[in-house]
Amino acid sequence: MDSGTFKTIADPHSMTNSQSETANSNTWAASVRIKAKSLSRAYGQRRHDYRVGRQPNYVDGERSVFNRALVDPRPLPVIRNEIERLREKAGAKRALKSNAAIVTTGIITFGFEAAKVFDLLPAIDQDGAFHELADAIARKLGTTLEGLVVHLDETTIHAHFEMRAYTDDGVPVSKVATSNLLSDLQDLTAEIMSAACPEIERGHRKWDRIAAGADYADTLNRSVK
């Protein structure tokens, strides 16, 4: 048989505990994810975040009264007009496209163990940590925080936030958010959340998990659902 057809398969029992733990997601971690949203998608996200209209089945409607809105968002057309002014000031020649990002949405989530200990904090401390982190992320990206709400009516506590999708210099946040900067946001998340709750850690880096034996699909972001 052609030796080139053979593949080396690592003995799973030879993997160290450290490797095995790194391959898995960190249940003691806090993490953040961001995503650009067009005007129409931003309206849909706000309906979900602030529980307007029909909600998915995984939302416990009887507990929605316990959600906490920490920052009330500005009207989306107002944010769009501000973006147009920032782009014009930056020398943009073309008009803003109809499907251009208007806000960059974000979600702050916790691993299973982290969520349990964070949930024990007084609400004022939870809100302070969420607000501090969302503000810090917006500043890191050179933009403004536009909305923040804490959800207590799903499986675990988490917070949704929203930022203007363009920086103060009229540059799309999506261009600023390099892979290195996104990694910095995870560092920032661990730093701020662990200050409020010392048990909370940074999540394992994606490529570290893959190098330790995790399947690529297992490292992809999952929704709160």
N, C-alpha and C. Protein backbone atom coordinates (compact mmCIF):
# COMPACT_ATOMS: atom_id res chain seq x y z
N MET A 1 0.85 -1.19 0.00
CA MET A 1 0.00 0.00 0.00
C MET A 1 0.89 1.24 0.00
N ASP A 2 0.50 2.24 -0.76
CA ASP A 2 1.26 3.48 -0.81
C ASP A 2 1.27 4.13 0.57
N SER A 3 2.48 4.33 1.12
CA SER A 3 2.58 4.89 2.47
C SER A 3 2.01 6.30 2.54
N GLY A 4 1.87 6.97 1.37
CA GLY A 4 1.34 8.32 1.37
C GLY A 4 -0.12 8.38 1.74
N THR A 5 -0.80 7.21 1.75
CA THR A 5 -2.22 7.21 2.09
C THR A 5 -2.47 7.13 3.57
N PHE A 6 -1.41 6.87 4.35
CA PHE A 6 -1.60 6.74 5.78
C PHE A 6 -1.73 8.12 6.43
N LYS A 7 -2.55 8.18 7.46
CA LYS A 7 -2.67 9.40 8.26
C LYS A 7 -2.30 9.08 9.70
N THR A 8 -1.61 10.00 10.32
CA THR A 8 -1.24 9.82 11.72
C THR A 8 -2.40 10.26 12.60
N ILE A 9 -2.84 9.37 13.45
CA ILE A 9 -3.96 9.65 14.35
C ILE A 9 -3.43 9.66 15.77
N ALA A 10 -3.59 10.77 16.45
CA ALA A 10 -3.08 10.89 17.81
C ALA A 10 -3.90 10.01 18.75
N ASP A 11 -3.23 9.38 19.67
CA ASP A 11 -3.89 8.60 20.70
C ASP A 11 -4.58 9.57 21.66
N PRO A 12 -5.90 9.52 21.77
CA PRO A 12 -6.59 10.47 22.63
C PRO A 12 -6.15 10.36 24.08
N HIS A 13 -5.69 9.16 24.49
CA HIS A 13 -5.27 8.99 25.88
C HIS A 13 -3.92 9.64 26.15
N SER A 14 -3.20 10.01 25.07
CA SER A 14 -1.90 10.65 25.25
C SER A 14 -2.02 12.16 25.40
N MET A 15 -3.21 12.69 25.16
CA MET A 15 -3.42 14.13 25.28
C MET A 15 -3.38 14.53 26.75
N THR A 16 -2.62 15.55 27.06
CA THR A 16 -2.53 16.00 28.45
C THR A 16 -3.82 16.66 28.87
N ASN A 17 -4.02 16.76 30.18
CA ASN A 17 -5.21 17.44 30.68
C ASN A 17 -5.27 18.86 30.17
N SER A 18 -4.09 19.51 30.11
CA SER A 18 -4.05 20.90 29.65
C SER A 18 -4.53 21.00 28.22
N GLN A 19 -4.09 20.09 27.36
CA GLN A 19 -4.52 20.09 25.97
C GLN A 19 -6.02 19.84 25.88
N SER A 20 -6.49 18.85 26.63
CA SER A 20 -7.90 18.50 26.58
C SER A 20 -8.76 19.67 27.01
N GLU A 21 -8.34 20.36 28.08
CA GLU A 21 -9.11 21.50 28.57
C GLU A 21 -9.10 22.63 27.56
N THR A 22 -7.96 22.85 26.91
CA THR A 22 -7.87 23.93 25.93
C THR A 22 -8.75 23.67 24.72
N ALA A 23 -8.90 22.40 24.34
CA ALA A 23 -9.71 22.05 23.17
C ALA A 23 -11.18 22.37 23.41
N ASN A 24 -11.59 22.32 24.67
CA ASN A 24 -12.99 22.60 24.99
C ASN A 24 -13.20 24.09 25.25
N SER A 25 -14.44 24.54 25.10
CA SER A 25 -14.75 25.91 25.48
C SER A 25 -14.63 26.03 26.99
N ASN A 26 -14.30 27.22 27.46
CA ASN A 26 -14.07 27.44 28.89
C ASN A 26 -15.38 27.80 29.57
N THR A 27 -15.87 26.92 30.42
CA THR A 27 -17.16 27.15 31.08
C THR A 27 -17.09 28.26 32.12
N TRP A 28 -15.87 28.71 32.46
CA TRP A 28 -15.71 29.80 33.43
C TRP A 28 -15.47 31.14 32.74
N ALA A 29 -15.64 31.17 31.43
CA ALA A 29 -15.29 32.37 30.67
C ALA A 29 -16.49 33.28 30.40
N ALA A 30 -16.17 34.56 30.24
CA ALA A 30 -17.11 35.54 29.67
C ALA A 30 -16.60 35.87 28.28
N SER A 31 -17.49 36.16 27.36
CA SER A 31 -17.06 36.47 25.99
C SER A 31 -17.99 37.50 25.38
N VAL A 32 -17.53 38.09 24.29
CA VAL A 32 -18.33 39.09 23.58
C VAL A 32 -18.27 38.79 22.09
N ARG A 33 -19.36 39.05 21.40
CA ARG A 33 -19.41 38.92 19.94
C ARG A 33 -20.07 40.17 19.38
N ILE A 34 -19.61 40.60 18.22
CA ILE A 34 -20.21 41.78 17.58
C ILE A 34 -20.56 41.45 16.14
N LYS A 35 -21.53 42.19 15.59
CA LYS A 35 -21.97 41.96 14.22
C LYS A 35 -22.61 43.23 13.66
N ALA A 36 -22.26 43.56 12.42
CA ALA A 36 -22.83 44.75 11.76
C ALA A 36 -24.27 44.46 11.34
N LYS A 37 -25.12 45.48 11.44
CA LYS A 37 -26.52 45.34 11.06
C LYS A 37 -26.96 46.51 10.19
N SER A 38 -27.63 46.18 9.10
CA SER A 38 -28.23 47.21 8.25
C SER A 38 -29.44 47.81 8.96
N LEU A 39 -30.04 48.82 8.37
CA LEU A 39 -31.17 49.49 9.01
C LEU A 39 -32.31 48.52 9.28
N SER A 40 -32.68 47.72 8.29
CA SER A 40 -33.81 46.80 8.47
C SER A 40 -33.49 45.73 9.52
N ARG A 41 -32.27 45.22 9.50
CA ARG A 41 -31.89 44.20 10.48
C ARG A 41 -31.74 44.80 11.88
N ALA A 42 -31.35 46.05 11.94
CA ALA A 42 -31.24 46.72 13.23
C ALA A 42 -32.60 46.86 13.89
N TYR A 43 -33.62 47.18 13.08
CA TYR A 43 -34.98 47.26 13.63
C TYR A 43 -35.39 45.90 14.22
N GLY A 44 -35.10 44.83 13.50
CA GLY A 44 -35.43 43.49 13.99
C GLY A 44 -34.69 43.15 15.26
N GLN A 45 -33.42 43.51 15.33
CA GLN A 45 -32.64 43.24 16.53
C GLN A 45 -33.19 44.00 17.73
N ARG A 46 -33.59 45.24 17.50
CA ARG A 46 -34.16 46.03 18.61
C ARG A 46 -35.47 45.42 19.10
N ARG A 47 -36.27 44.92 18.18
CA ARG A 47 -37.53 44.29 18.62
C ARG A 47 -37.23 43.10 19.52
N HIS A 48 -36.17 42.38 19.20
CA HIS A 48 -35.79 41.24 20.05
C HIS A 48 -35.20 41.74 21.37
N ASP A 49 -34.26 42.67 21.29
CA ASP A 49 -33.55 43.12 22.49
C ASP A 49 -34.49 43.74 23.51
N TYR A 50 -35.45 44.53 23.03
CA TYR A 50 -36.34 45.25 23.94
C TYR A 50 -37.73 44.61 24.01
N ARG A 51 -37.82 43.39 23.51
CA ARG A 51 -39.02 42.55 23.63
C ARG A 51 -40.27 43.25 23.11
N VAL A 52 -40.18 43.69 21.86
CA VAL A 52 -41.31 44.32 21.19
C VAL A 52 -41.94 43.30 20.23
N GLY A 53 -43.21 43.00 20.41
CA GLY A 53 -43.88 42.06 19.52
C GLY A 53 -43.59 40.61 19.87
N ARG A 54 -43.89 39.73 18.94
CA ARG A 54 -43.75 38.29 19.15
C ARG A 54 -42.27 37.93 19.30
N GLN A 55 -41.97 37.06 20.28
CA GLN A 55 -40.60 36.64 20.55
C GLN A 55 -40.44 35.13 20.34
N PRO A 56 -39.20 34.68 20.17
CA PRO A 56 -38.97 33.24 19.96
C PRO A 56 -39.45 32.42 21.16
N ASN A 57 -39.65 31.13 20.93
CA ASN A 57 -40.18 30.24 21.96
C ASN A 57 -39.23 30.08 23.15
N TYR A 58 -37.93 30.28 22.92
CA TYR A 58 -36.99 30.10 24.03
C TYR A 58 -37.02 31.27 25.01
N VAL A 59 -37.76 32.32 24.72
CA VAL A 59 -37.92 33.44 25.64
C VAL A 59 -39.09 33.15 26.58
N ASP A 60 -38.84 33.24 27.89
CA ASP A 60 -39.87 33.03 28.90
C ASP A 60 -40.59 34.37 29.12
N GLY A 61 -41.71 34.54 28.47
CA GLY A 61 -42.43 35.80 28.51
C GLY A 61 -42.81 36.26 29.91
N GLU A 62 -43.00 35.31 30.83
CA GLU A 62 -43.37 35.68 32.20
C GLU A 62 -42.22 36.32 32.95
N ARG A 63 -40.98 36.10 32.45
CA ARG A 63 -39.81 36.67 33.12
C ARG A 63 -39.29 37.93 32.42
N SER A 64 -39.88 38.29 31.30
CA SER A 64 -39.39 39.44 30.54
C SER A 64 -39.48 40.74 31.34
N VAL A 65 -40.37 40.78 32.32
CA VAL A 65 -40.49 42.00 33.15
C VAL A 65 -39.23 42.24 33.97
N PHE A 66 -38.40 41.20 34.13
CA PHE A 66 -37.18 41.33 34.93
C PHE A 66 -35.99 41.82 34.10
N ASN A 67 -36.15 41.90 32.77
CA ASN A 67 -35.08 42.43 31.94
C ASN A 67 -34.81 43.89 32.31
N ARG A 68 -33.56 44.33 32.11
CA ARG A 68 -33.19 45.68 32.54
C ARG A 68 -32.57 46.46 31.38
N ALA A 69 -33.23 47.52 30.97
CA ALA A 69 -32.70 48.40 29.92
C ALA A 69 -31.80 49.43 30.59
N LEU A 70 -30.50 49.38 30.28
CA LEU A 70 -29.52 50.27 30.91
C LEU A 70 -29.22 51.49 30.05
N VAL A 71 -29.35 51.35 28.74
CA VAL A 71 -29.15 52.48 27.82
C VAL A 71 -30.26 52.43 26.79
N ASP A 72 -31.08 53.45 26.73
CA ASP A 72 -32.15 53.52 25.74
C ASP A 72 -31.57 54.00 24.40
N PRO A 73 -31.84 53.30 23.32
CA PRO A 73 -31.23 53.63 22.03
C PRO A 73 -31.83 54.87 21.37
N ARG A 74 -31.00 55.57 20.61
CA ARG A 74 -31.48 56.68 19.80
C ARG A 74 -32.24 56.12 18.59
N PRO A 75 -33.13 56.90 17.99
CA PRO A 75 -33.82 56.44 16.77
C PRO A 75 -32.79 56.11 15.68
N LEU A 76 -33.02 55.02 14.98
CA LEU A 76 -32.07 54.58 13.95
C LEU A 76 -31.88 55.61 12.84
N PRO A 77 -32.94 56.32 12.38
CA PRO A 77 -32.71 57.35 11.36
C PRO A 77 -31.77 58.46 11.84
N VAL A 78 -31.81 58.75 13.14
CA VAL A 78 -30.91 59.77 13.69
C VAL A 78 -29.46 59.28 13.60
N ILE A 79 -29.26 58.01 13.92
CA ILE A 79 -27.90 57.45 13.83
C ILE A 79 -27.44 57.42 12.38
N ARG A 80 -28.33 57.05 11.47
CA ARG A 80 -27.97 57.03 10.05
C ARG A 80 -27.56 58.43 9.56
N ASN A 81 -28.32 59.45 9.95
CA ASN A 81 -27.99 60.82 9.54
C ASN A 81 -26.63 61.24 10.10
N GLU A 82 -26.34 60.82 11.32
CA GLU A 82 -25.04 61.14 11.91
C GLU A 82 -23.92 60.44 11.14
N ILE A 83 -24.15 59.22 10.74
CA ILE A 83 -23.16 58.48 9.94
C ILE A 83 -22.88 59.20 8.63
N GLU A 84 -23.94 59.67 7.99
CA GLU A 84 -23.77 60.37 6.72
C GLU A 84 -22.92 61.63 6.91
N ARG A 85 -23.12 62.35 8.01
CA ARG A 85 -22.32 63.54 8.28
C ARG A 85 -20.86 63.17 8.55
N LEU A 86 -20.64 62.09 9.28
CA LEU A 86 -19.27 61.66 9.58
C LEU A 86 -18.55 61.22 8.31
N ARG A 87 -19.26 60.52 7.43
CA ARG A 87 -18.66 60.07 6.18
C ARG A 87 -18.33 61.27 5.29
N GLU A 88 -19.25 62.23 5.23
CA GLU A 88 -19.01 63.42 4.42
C GLU A 88 -17.79 64.20 4.94
N LYS A 89 -17.70 64.31 6.26
CA LYS A 89 -16.56 65.00 6.86
C LYS A 89 -15.25 64.27 6.56
N ALA A 90 -15.33 62.93 6.44
CA ALA A 90 -14.15 62.13 6.16
C ALA A 90 -13.79 62.12 4.67
N GLY A 91 -14.63 62.77 3.84
CA GLY A 91 -14.33 62.87 2.42
C GLY A 91 -14.95 61.80 1.55
N ALA A 92 -15.95 61.07 2.07
CA ALA A 92 -16.60 60.04 1.27
C ALA A 92 -17.27 60.66 0.05
N LYS A 93 -17.10 60.04 -1.11
CA LYS A 93 -17.64 60.57 -2.35
C LYS A 93 -19.01 59.98 -2.69
N ARG A 94 -19.23 58.76 -2.25
CA ARG A 94 -20.47 58.07 -2.59
C ARG A 94 -21.47 58.15 -1.44
N ALA A 95 -22.74 58.12 -1.79
CA ALA A 95 -23.79 58.12 -0.78
C ALA A 95 -23.80 56.79 -0.03
N LEU A 96 -24.31 56.81 1.18
CA LEU A 96 -24.42 55.59 1.96
C LEU A 96 -25.40 54.62 1.29
N LYS A 97 -24.98 53.38 1.11
CA LYS A 97 -25.84 52.39 0.46
C LYS A 97 -27.05 52.07 1.33
N SER A 98 -28.12 51.63 0.68
CA SER A 98 -29.34 51.33 1.42
C SER A 98 -29.16 50.16 2.39
N ASN A 99 -28.23 49.25 2.06
CA ASN A 99 -28.01 48.09 2.93
C ASN A 99 -26.76 48.25 3.79
N ALA A 100 -26.24 49.47 3.89
CA ALA A 100 -25.04 49.71 4.70
C ALA A 100 -25.35 49.48 6.18
N ALA A 101 -24.33 49.09 6.93
CA ALA A 101 -24.48 48.91 8.38
C ALA A 101 -24.77 50.25 9.04
N ILE A 102 -25.74 50.25 9.93
CA ILE A 102 -26.09 51.45 10.69
C ILE A 102 -25.64 51.29 12.14
N VAL A 103 -25.78 50.09 12.67
CA VAL A 103 -25.30 49.81 14.02
C VAL A 103 -24.47 48.53 13.99
N THR A 104 -23.60 48.42 14.96
CA THR A 104 -22.88 47.18 15.23
C THR A 104 -23.43 46.64 16.54
N THR A 105 -24.07 45.50 16.48
CA THR A 105 -24.67 44.92 17.68
C THR A 105 -23.67 44.01 18.37
N GLY A 106 -23.87 43.83 19.65
CA GLY A 106 -22.99 42.96 20.42
C GLY A 106 -23.75 42.18 21.46
N ILE A 107 -23.16 41.09 21.90
CA ILE A 107 -23.75 40.30 22.98
C ILE A 107 -22.65 39.86 23.92
N ILE A 108 -22.92 39.99 25.22
CA ILE A 108 -21.99 39.58 26.27
C ILE A 108 -22.57 38.32 26.91
N THR A 109 -21.83 37.24 26.84
CA THR A 109 -22.33 35.96 27.33
C THR A 109 -21.33 35.32 28.29
N PHE A 110 -21.78 34.23 28.93
CA PHE A 110 -20.96 33.53 29.91
C PHE A 110 -21.00 32.03 29.67
N GLY A 111 -19.89 31.36 30.01
CA GLY A 111 -19.91 29.92 30.07
C GLY A 111 -20.81 29.47 31.22
N PHE A 112 -21.12 28.19 31.26
CA PHE A 112 -22.08 27.65 32.22
C PHE A 112 -21.71 27.99 33.66
N GLU A 113 -20.46 27.75 34.05
CA GLU A 113 -20.04 28.00 35.43
C GLU A 113 -19.95 29.50 35.71
N ALA A 114 -19.45 30.25 34.74
CA ALA A 114 -19.34 31.70 34.92
C ALA A 114 -20.71 32.33 35.12
N ALA A 115 -21.69 31.87 34.36
CA ALA A 115 -23.05 32.42 34.48
C ALA A 115 -23.61 32.19 35.89
N LYS A 116 -23.31 31.04 36.47
CA LYS A 116 -23.84 30.74 37.80
C LYS A 116 -23.29 31.69 38.85
N VAL A 117 -21.97 31.96 38.80
CA VAL A 117 -21.39 32.84 39.82
C VAL A 117 -21.74 34.30 39.56
N PHE A 118 -21.80 34.69 38.28
CA PHE A 118 -22.17 36.07 37.96
C PHE A 118 -23.60 36.35 38.38
N ASP A 119 -24.45 35.35 38.26
CA ASP A 119 -25.87 35.50 38.60
C ASP A 119 -26.07 35.75 40.09
N LEU A 120 -25.07 35.43 40.90
CA LEU A 120 -25.18 35.63 42.35
C LEU A 120 -24.88 37.07 42.77
N LEU A 121 -24.31 37.86 41.86
CA LEU A 121 -24.00 39.25 42.17
C LEU A 121 -25.28 40.07 42.30
N PRO A 122 -25.25 41.13 43.10
CA PRO A 122 -26.40 42.06 43.13
C PRO A 122 -26.61 42.66 41.74
N ALA A 123 -27.83 42.97 41.42
CA ALA A 123 -28.15 43.52 40.10
C ALA A 123 -27.34 44.77 39.80
N ILE A 124 -27.10 45.60 40.81
CA ILE A 124 -26.37 46.85 40.57
C ILE A 124 -24.93 46.56 40.13
N ASP A 125 -24.34 45.48 40.67
CA ASP A 125 -22.98 45.12 40.27
C ASP A 125 -22.96 44.49 38.88
N GLN A 126 -23.96 43.68 38.58
CA GLN A 126 -24.07 43.10 37.23
C GLN A 126 -24.20 44.21 36.20
N ASP A 127 -25.11 45.14 36.47
CA ASP A 127 -25.35 46.23 35.52
C ASP A 127 -24.11 47.09 35.36
N GLY A 128 -23.40 47.34 36.46
CA GLY A 128 -22.19 48.14 36.38
C GLY A 128 -21.13 47.49 35.51
N ALA A 129 -20.98 46.17 35.64
CA ALA A 129 -19.99 45.45 34.83
C ALA A 129 -20.39 45.45 33.36
N PHE A 130 -21.67 45.19 33.08
CA PHE A 130 -22.14 45.20 31.69
C PHE A 130 -21.93 46.58 31.06
N HIS A 131 -22.28 47.63 31.80
CA HIS A 131 -22.19 48.98 31.26
C HIS A 131 -20.72 49.37 31.04
N GLU A 132 -19.88 49.05 32.01
CA GLU A 132 -18.46 49.37 31.88
C GLU A 132 -17.86 48.67 30.66
N LEU A 133 -18.20 47.41 30.47
CA LEU A 133 -17.65 46.66 29.34
C LEU A 133 -18.16 47.20 28.01
N ALA A 134 -19.46 47.43 27.90
CA ALA A 134 -20.01 47.94 26.65
C ALA A 134 -19.42 49.30 26.29
N ASP A 135 -19.26 50.17 27.29
CA ASP A 135 -18.63 51.47 27.07
C ASP A 135 -17.18 51.31 26.59
N ALA A 136 -16.47 50.40 27.24
CA ALA A 136 -15.06 50.20 26.91
C ALA A 136 -14.90 49.64 25.49
N ILE A 137 -15.80 48.76 25.08
CA ILE A 137 -15.74 48.21 23.73
C ILE A 137 -16.00 49.30 22.70
N ALA A 138 -17.01 50.14 22.96
CA ALA A 138 -17.31 51.23 22.03
C ALA A 138 -16.11 52.17 21.90
N ARG A 139 -15.48 52.50 23.02
CA ARG A 139 -14.30 53.37 22.96
C ARG A 139 -13.15 52.70 22.21
N LYS A 140 -12.97 51.41 22.44
CA LYS A 140 -11.91 50.67 21.76
C LYS A 140 -12.10 50.69 20.25
N LEU A 141 -13.34 50.67 19.82
CA LEU A 141 -13.65 50.67 18.39
C LEU A 141 -13.80 52.08 17.83
N GLY A 142 -13.68 53.09 18.68
CA GLY A 142 -13.75 54.47 18.22
C GLY A 142 -15.13 54.95 17.87
N THR A 143 -16.14 54.38 18.54
CA THR A 143 -17.51 54.75 18.21
C THR A 143 -18.30 55.02 19.50
N THR A 144 -19.62 55.04 19.42
CA THR A 144 -20.45 55.38 20.58
C THR A 144 -21.39 54.23 20.93
N LEU A 145 -21.64 54.07 22.22
CA LEU A 145 -22.61 53.09 22.69
C LEU A 145 -24.01 53.64 22.45
N GLU A 146 -24.87 52.84 21.83
CA GLU A 146 -26.20 53.30 21.45
C GLU A 146 -27.34 52.59 22.18
N GLY A 147 -27.05 51.51 22.85
CA GLY A 147 -28.11 50.78 23.54
C GLY A 147 -27.51 49.65 24.36
N LEU A 148 -28.19 49.29 25.45
CA LEU A 148 -27.72 48.20 26.32
C LEU A 148 -28.89 47.68 27.13
N VAL A 149 -29.10 46.38 27.08
CA VAL A 149 -30.19 45.76 27.82
C VAL A 149 -29.74 44.40 28.35
N VAL A 150 -30.12 44.09 29.59
CA VAL A 150 -29.79 42.82 30.23
C VAL A 150 -31.00 41.90 30.12
N HIS A 151 -30.77 40.67 29.66
CA HIS A 151 -31.84 39.69 29.53
C HIS A 151 -31.77 38.66 30.65
N LEU A 152 -32.90 38.48 31.31
CA LEU A 152 -33.02 37.48 32.37
C LEU A 152 -34.12 36.47 32.06
N ASP A 153 -34.65 36.53 30.85
CA ASP A 153 -35.79 35.67 30.50
C ASP A 153 -35.42 34.56 29.52
N GLU A 154 -34.12 34.26 29.42
CA GLU A 154 -33.67 33.13 28.62
C GLU A 154 -32.91 32.17 29.52
N THR A 155 -32.18 31.24 28.95
CA THR A 155 -31.55 30.20 29.75
C THR A 155 -30.54 30.76 30.74
N THR A 156 -29.69 31.69 30.30
CA THR A 156 -28.69 32.28 31.19
C THR A 156 -28.68 33.80 31.02
N ILE A 157 -28.21 34.49 32.04
CA ILE A 157 -28.10 35.94 31.99
C ILE A 157 -27.11 36.34 30.90
N HIS A 158 -27.44 37.40 30.16
CA HIS A 158 -26.56 37.94 29.14
C HIS A 158 -27.02 39.36 28.84
N ALA A 159 -26.24 40.07 28.06
CA ALA A 159 -26.60 41.46 27.72
C ALA A 159 -26.40 41.70 26.24
N HIS A 160 -27.32 42.43 25.64
CA HIS A 160 -27.20 42.88 24.26
C HIS A 160 -26.85 44.36 24.26
N PHE A 161 -25.94 44.76 23.39
CA PHE A 161 -25.64 46.18 23.26
C PHE A 161 -25.53 46.54 21.79
N GLU A 162 -25.52 47.82 21.54
CA GLU A 162 -25.48 48.29 20.16
C GLU A 162 -24.62 49.55 20.10
N MET A 163 -23.86 49.67 19.02
CA MET A 163 -22.99 50.82 18.81
C MET A 163 -23.23 51.39 17.41
N ARG A 164 -22.91 52.66 17.22
CA ARG A 164 -22.95 53.22 15.87
C ARG A 164 -21.96 52.44 15.01
N ALA A 165 -22.34 52.13 13.78
CA ALA A 165 -21.53 51.25 12.93
C ALA A 165 -20.38 51.95 12.23
N TYR A 166 -20.21 53.23 12.50
CA TYR A 166 -19.08 53.99 11.96
C TYR A 166 -18.35 54.68 13.10
N THR A 167 -17.04 54.80 12.97
CA THR A 167 -16.24 55.45 14.00
C THR A 167 -16.43 56.96 13.95
N ASP A 168 -15.85 57.63 14.92
CA ASP A 168 -15.90 59.10 14.94
C ASP A 168 -15.19 59.70 13.73
N ASP A 169 -14.32 58.91 13.10
CA ASP A 169 -13.59 59.37 11.91
C ASP A 169 -14.29 58.99 10.61
N GLY A 170 -15.50 58.45 10.71
CA GLY A 170 -16.26 58.11 9.51
C GLY A 170 -15.84 56.83 8.84
N VAL A 171 -15.18 55.94 9.57
CA VAL A 171 -14.72 54.65 9.04
C VAL A 171 -15.64 53.55 9.55
N PRO A 172 -16.03 52.59 8.70
CA PRO A 172 -16.87 51.49 9.19
C PRO A 172 -16.19 50.73 10.32
N VAL A 173 -16.93 50.44 11.36
CA VAL A 173 -16.38 49.66 12.47
C VAL A 173 -15.88 48.30 11.97
N SER A 174 -16.53 47.76 10.95
CA SER A 174 -16.12 46.45 10.41
C SER A 174 -14.69 46.48 9.89
N LYS A 175 -14.21 47.64 9.44
CA LYS A 175 -12.83 47.75 8.97
C LYS A 175 -11.85 47.89 10.12
N VAL A 176 -12.31 48.44 11.22
CA VAL A 176 -11.47 48.62 12.40
C VAL A 176 -11.32 47.31 13.17
N ALA A 177 -12.36 46.48 13.11
CA ALA A 177 -12.42 45.26 13.92
C ALA A 177 -11.61 44.14 13.28
N THR A 178 -10.29 44.25 13.32
CA THR A 178 -9.40 43.22 12.81
C THR A 178 -9.42 42.02 13.76
N SER A 179 -8.84 40.92 13.32
CA SER A 179 -8.81 39.73 14.17
C SER A 179 -8.04 40.01 15.46
N ASN A 180 -6.96 40.79 15.37
CA ASN A 180 -6.20 41.12 16.58
C ASN A 180 -7.03 41.97 17.53
N LEU A 181 -7.78 42.93 16.99
CA LEU A 181 -8.59 43.78 17.85
C LEU A 181 -9.72 42.97 18.49
N LEU A 182 -10.30 42.05 17.72
CA LEU A 182 -11.37 41.21 18.29
C LEU A 182 -10.83 40.35 19.42
N SER A 183 -9.58 39.90 19.29
CA SER A 183 -8.95 39.15 20.38
C SER A 183 -8.75 40.06 21.59
N ASP A 184 -8.39 41.32 21.32
CA ASP A 184 -8.23 42.28 22.42
C ASP A 184 -9.55 42.50 23.15
N LEU A 185 -10.66 42.44 22.42
CA LEU A 185 -11.97 42.62 23.06
C LEU A 185 -12.26 41.48 24.03
N GLN A 186 -11.79 40.27 23.71
CA GLN A 186 -11.97 39.15 24.63
C GLN A 186 -11.12 39.35 25.89
N ASP A 187 -9.92 39.89 25.70
CA ASP A 187 -9.07 40.22 26.86
C ASP A 187 -9.77 41.25 27.73
N LEU A 188 -10.33 42.27 27.09
CA LEU A 188 -11.02 43.34 27.79
C LEU A 188 -12.23 42.80 28.56
N THR A 189 -12.94 41.88 27.92
CA THR A 189 -14.11 41.27 28.55
C THR A 189 -13.72 40.53 29.82
N ALA A 190 -12.66 39.72 29.73
CA ALA A 190 -12.21 38.98 30.90
C ALA A 190 -11.73 39.92 32.00
N GLU A 191 -11.03 40.98 31.62
CA GLU A 191 -10.50 41.93 32.60
C GLU A 191 -11.62 42.60 33.38
N ILE A 192 -12.62 43.09 32.68
CA ILE A 192 -13.69 43.82 33.35
C ILE A 192 -14.62 42.89 34.12
N MET A 193 -14.97 41.77 33.53
CA MET A 193 -15.89 40.86 34.21
C MET A 193 -15.24 40.19 35.41
N SER A 194 -13.95 39.91 35.34
CA SER A 194 -13.28 39.28 36.48
C SER A 194 -13.09 40.28 37.62
N ALA A 195 -13.06 41.58 37.30
CA ALA A 195 -12.99 42.59 38.35
C ALA A 195 -14.28 42.58 39.17
N ALA A 196 -15.39 42.31 38.51
CA ALA A 196 -16.68 42.23 39.21
C ALA A 196 -16.90 40.87 39.85
N CYS A 197 -16.33 39.84 39.21
CA CYS A 197 -16.55 38.45 39.66
C CYS A 197 -15.24 37.69 39.43
N PRO A 198 -14.39 37.58 40.45
CA PRO A 198 -13.03 37.05 40.27
C PRO A 198 -12.94 35.65 39.68
N GLU A 199 -13.99 34.85 39.77
CA GLU A 199 -13.93 33.49 39.22
C GLU A 199 -13.95 33.47 37.70
N ILE A 200 -14.37 34.56 37.08
CA ILE A 200 -14.53 34.59 35.63
C ILE A 200 -13.16 34.70 34.94
N GLU A 201 -13.00 33.94 33.84
CA GLU A 201 -11.74 33.86 33.11
C GLU A 201 -11.93 34.28 31.67
N ARG A 202 -10.81 34.33 30.95
CA ARG A 202 -10.86 34.56 29.50
C ARG A 202 -11.15 33.23 28.81
N GLY A 203 -11.90 33.27 27.73
CA GLY A 203 -12.15 32.06 26.97
C GLY A 203 -10.90 31.59 26.24
N HIS A 204 -10.85 30.31 25.92
CA HIS A 204 -9.72 29.79 25.15
C HIS A 204 -9.75 30.38 23.75
N ARG A 205 -8.59 30.75 23.23
CA ARG A 205 -8.51 31.29 21.88
C ARG A 205 -8.86 30.21 20.87
N LYS A 206 -9.55 30.63 19.81
CA LYS A 206 -10.07 29.70 18.81
C LYS A 206 -8.99 28.78 18.26
N TRP A 207 -7.88 29.37 17.81
CA TRP A 207 -6.86 28.55 17.16
C TRP A 207 -6.07 27.72 18.17
N ASP A 208 -6.03 28.15 19.43
CA ASP A 208 -5.45 27.33 20.47
C ASP A 208 -6.30 26.08 20.69
N ARG A 209 -7.61 26.26 20.64
CA ARG A 209 -8.52 25.11 20.81
C ARG A 209 -8.34 24.12 19.67
N ILE A 210 -8.24 24.65 18.45
CA ILE A 210 -8.07 23.77 17.29
C ILE A 210 -6.74 23.03 17.37
N ALA A 211 -5.68 23.75 17.76
CA ALA A 211 -4.37 23.12 17.89
C ALA A 211 -4.38 22.03 18.96
N ALA A 212 -5.25 22.19 19.96
CA ALA A 212 -5.33 21.20 21.03
C ALA A 212 -6.26 20.04 20.69
N GLY A 213 -6.85 20.07 19.48
CA GLY A 213 -7.64 18.93 19.03
C GLY A 213 -9.11 19.17 18.83
N ALA A 214 -9.59 20.41 19.03
CA ALA A 214 -11.01 20.70 18.83
C ALA A 214 -11.35 20.71 17.34
N ASP A 215 -12.55 20.26 17.00
CA ASP A 215 -13.03 20.39 15.64
C ASP A 215 -13.35 21.85 15.37
N TYR A 216 -13.06 22.29 14.13
CA TYR A 216 -13.30 23.69 13.77
C TYR A 216 -14.75 24.07 14.05
N ALA A 217 -15.70 23.20 13.69
CA ALA A 217 -17.13 23.50 13.86
C ALA A 217 -17.47 23.77 15.32
N ASP A 218 -16.75 23.12 16.24
CA ASP A 218 -17.04 23.30 17.66
C ASP A 218 -16.56 24.64 18.19
N THR A 219 -15.71 25.33 17.40
CA THR A 219 -15.18 26.62 17.86
C THR A 219 -16.01 27.79 17.35
N LEU A 220 -17.01 27.51 16.51
CA LEU A 220 -17.83 28.59 15.96
C LEU A 220 -18.75 29.13 17.02
N ASN A 221 -19.09 30.42 16.88
CA ASN A 221 -19.98 31.07 17.85
C ASN A 221 -21.35 30.44 17.84
N ARG A 222 -21.93 30.32 19.00
CA ARG A 222 -23.28 29.79 19.15
C ARG A 222 -24.18 30.90 19.69
N SER A 223 -25.42 30.86 19.31
CA SER A 223 -26.37 31.86 19.82
C SER A 223 -26.76 31.51 21.24
N VAL A 224 -27.39 32.45 21.94
CA VAL A 224 -27.89 32.17 23.29
C VAL A 224 -28.93 31.05 23.23
N LYS A 225 -29.71 31.03 22.15
CA LYS A 225 -30.69 29.97 21.96
C LYS A 225 -30.02 28.61 21.97
